Amino acid sequence: ARFSSPDQPDGFVDLTLADGKAVTLPQAVSADGGRYTKDDIEFWIKGNGATLTIAGKATTCETKD
């Protein structure tokens, strides 16, 4: 994931999926954490964890310190 810089007016994330497909998701409203969504793809990140949901199927991951 590559996130937009804080000085940009509209936040986004660029993702490269496991199949090599690249997608850009605009930032969406979130009560907690960062949420990015477009069509049937949602990427939600909070702390060290993230969830990528495509067409209702979720995959979670966590960074190591």
Protein backbone atom coordinates (compact mmCIF):
# COMPACT_ATOMS: atom_id res chain seq x y z
CA ALA A 1 0.00 0.00 0.00
CA ARG A 2 1.12 3.52 -0.79
CA PHE A 3 -0.77 6.32 0.94
CA SER A 4 -1.24 9.87 -0.30
CA SER A 5 0.76 12.58 1.41
CA PRO A 6 -0.96 14.59 4.15
CA ASP A 7 -0.71 17.82 2.11
CA GLN A 8 -3.05 16.49 -0.61
CA PRO A 9 -6.65 17.72 -0.30
CA ASP A 10 -8.21 14.28 -0.94
CA GLY A 11 -6.65 11.20 0.64
CA PHE A 12 -6.18 7.93 -1.23
CA VAL A 13 -4.30 4.65 -1.15
CA ASP A 14 -2.70 2.85 -4.10
CA LEU A 15 -2.81 -0.93 -3.72
CA THR A 16 -1.22 -3.69 -5.75
CA LEU A 17 -3.28 -6.86 -5.32
CA ALA A 18 -1.93 -10.41 -5.29
CA ASP A 19 -2.95 -10.90 -8.95
CA GLY A 20 -0.86 -7.84 -9.93
CA LYS A 21 -3.87 -5.58 -10.48
CA ALA A 22 -3.32 -2.01 -9.27
CA VAL A 23 -6.20 -0.04 -7.76
CA THR A 24 -6.54 3.43 -6.24
CA LEU A 25 -9.11 3.84 -3.50
CA PRO A 26 -10.27 7.25 -2.25
CA GLN A 27 -10.43 7.86 1.49
CA ALA A 28 -13.89 7.45 3.04
CA VAL A 29 -15.44 8.54 6.32
CA SER A 30 -14.35 6.38 9.25
CA ALA A 31 -15.10 6.69 12.97
CA ASP A 32 -11.84 4.90 13.79
CA GLY A 33 -8.80 4.14 11.64
CA GLY A 34 -8.33 4.85 7.95
CA ARG A 35 -10.91 3.59 5.49
CA TYR A 36 -10.59 3.60 1.69
CA THR A 37 -13.27 2.27 -0.64
CA LYS A 38 -14.35 2.08 -4.27
CA ASP A 39 -16.92 -0.18 -5.88
CA ASP A 40 -16.66 -3.61 -4.17
CA ILE A 41 -13.20 -3.03 -2.65
CA GLU A 42 -12.60 -1.70 0.87
CA PHE A 43 -9.26 -1.27 2.65
CA TRP A 44 -9.46 -0.44 6.35
CA ILE A 45 -6.38 0.13 8.49
CA LYS A 46 -6.10 0.75 12.21
CA GLY A 47 -2.88 0.62 14.20
CA ASN A 48 -0.83 -2.36 13.05
CA GLY A 49 -3.74 -4.22 11.43
CA ALA A 50 -5.52 -3.92 8.11
CA THR A 51 -8.42 -5.62 6.35
CA LEU A 52 -8.87 -5.79 2.59
CA THR A 53 -12.37 -6.77 1.50
CA ILE A 54 -13.11 -7.57 -2.15
CA ALA A 55 -16.66 -8.56 -3.14
CA GLY A 56 -17.47 -9.49 0.46
CA LYS A 57 -14.37 -11.65 1.03
CA ALA A 58 -12.08 -10.25 3.75
CA THR A 59 -8.34 -10.78 4.22
CA THR A 60 -6.60 -9.43 7.31
CA CYS A 61 -2.95 -8.71 7.98
CA GLU A 62 -0.78 -7.19 10.68
CA THR A 63 2.60 -5.48 10.61
CA LYS A 64 5.42 -6.59 12.87
CA ASP A 65 7.22 -4.12 15.12
